Amino acid sequence: MGTSVLSLRIDHELLQRLRHHAARRGMSVQDYVVRTLIRDDFDERFQTAVEETERFYGSSDSEDEDQVRPSAGIR
């Protein structure tokens, strides 16, 4: 897998907050931002998979207590 460069122009206050968050974790701002983007991308892909699973198996409108929706507990 190759890499590419992404250049951003962001607000000074946001950059300061990112620096603070990264420093608390002992990371560079770049590593912190990349990790955050990866986590967000995973969350979106996981949510999409859950929604597709629910569509495939149908909506769980029934009151069957033995069944739990795949998205139970996901925000």
Protein backbone atom coordinates (compact mmCIF):
# COMPACT_ATOMS: atom_id res chain seq x y z
CA MET A 1 0.00 0.00 0.00
CA GLY A 2 1.47 3.33 -1.07
CA THR A 3 1.22 6.65 0.66
CA SER A 4 0.12 10.07 -0.49
CA VAL A 5 0.49 13.57 0.88
CA LEU A 6 -2.49 15.53 2.19
CA SER A 7 -2.00 19.19 3.02
CA LEU A 8 -4.51 20.99 5.24
CA ARG A 9 -5.17 24.56 6.22
CA ILE A 10 -6.80 24.58 9.66
CA ASP A 11 -7.73 27.09 12.31
CA HIS A 12 -4.98 27.93 14.83
CA GLU A 13 -7.15 26.99 17.81
CA LEU A 14 -7.96 23.60 16.28
CA LEU A 15 -4.25 22.96 15.67
CA GLN A 16 -3.50 23.83 19.30
CA ARG A 17 -6.17 21.37 20.48
CA LEU A 18 -4.78 18.68 18.17
CA ARG A 19 -1.27 19.31 19.52
CA HIS A 20 -2.59 18.99 23.07
CA HIS A 21 -4.45 15.73 22.34
CA ALA A 22 -1.43 14.30 20.52
CA ALA A 23 0.98 15.30 23.30
CA ARG A 24 -1.19 13.61 25.94
CA ARG A 25 -0.79 10.39 23.97
CA GLY A 26 2.90 10.89 23.23
CA MET A 27 2.21 11.18 19.50
CA SER A 28 2.95 13.65 16.75
CA VAL A 29 0.03 15.69 15.44
CA GLN A 30 0.33 13.86 12.12
CA ASP A 31 0.14 10.44 13.79
CA TYR A 32 -2.77 11.55 15.97
CA VAL A 33 -4.76 12.88 12.99
CA VAL A 34 -4.08 9.77 10.91
CA ARG A 35 -5.11 7.49 13.79
CA THR A 36 -8.29 9.52 14.30
CA LEU A 37 -9.16 9.32 10.61
CA ILE A 38 -8.52 5.56 10.55
CA ARG A 39 -10.76 5.07 13.60
CA ASP A 40 -13.53 7.20 12.07
CA ASP A 41 -13.26 5.32 8.78
CA PHE A 42 -13.54 1.99 10.64
CA ASP A 43 -16.59 3.24 12.56
CA GLU A 44 -18.31 4.24 9.31
CA ARG A 45 -17.51 0.94 7.60
CA PHE A 46 -18.67 -1.02 10.66
CA GLN A 47 -21.95 0.94 10.86
CA THR A 48 -22.53 0.33 7.14
CA ALA A 49 -21.94 -3.40 7.63
CA VAL A 50 -24.41 -3.46 10.54
CA GLU A 51 -27.05 -1.63 8.48
CA GLU A 52 -26.56 -4.03 5.56
CA THR A 53 -26.86 -6.99 7.93
CA GLU A 54 -30.10 -5.60 9.34
CA ARG A 55 -31.47 -5.07 5.81
CA PHE A 56 -30.46 -8.61 4.84
CA TYR A 57 -32.08 -10.23 7.88
CA GLY A 58 -34.95 -7.77 8.01
CA SER A 59 -36.02 -5.35 10.66
CA SER A 60 -36.36 -6.82 14.15
CA ASP A 61 -39.76 -5.30 14.89
CA SER A 62 -40.80 -8.50 16.63
CA GLU A 63 -40.72 -8.65 20.39
CA ASP A 64 -38.64 -11.85 20.50
CA GLU A 65 -36.53 -11.45 23.64
CA ASP A 66 -34.01 -14.05 22.44
CA GLN A 67 -33.07 -11.89 19.44
CA VAL A 68 -30.84 -8.82 19.62
CA ARG A 69 -30.52 -6.31 16.78
CA PRO A 70 -27.01 -6.26 15.26
CA SER A 71 -26.83 -2.53 15.98
CA ALA A 72 -27.71 -2.88 19.67
CA GLY A 73 -25.33 -0.73 21.69
CA ILE A 74 -23.88 1.09 18.68
CA ARG A 75 -24.22 4.84 18.71
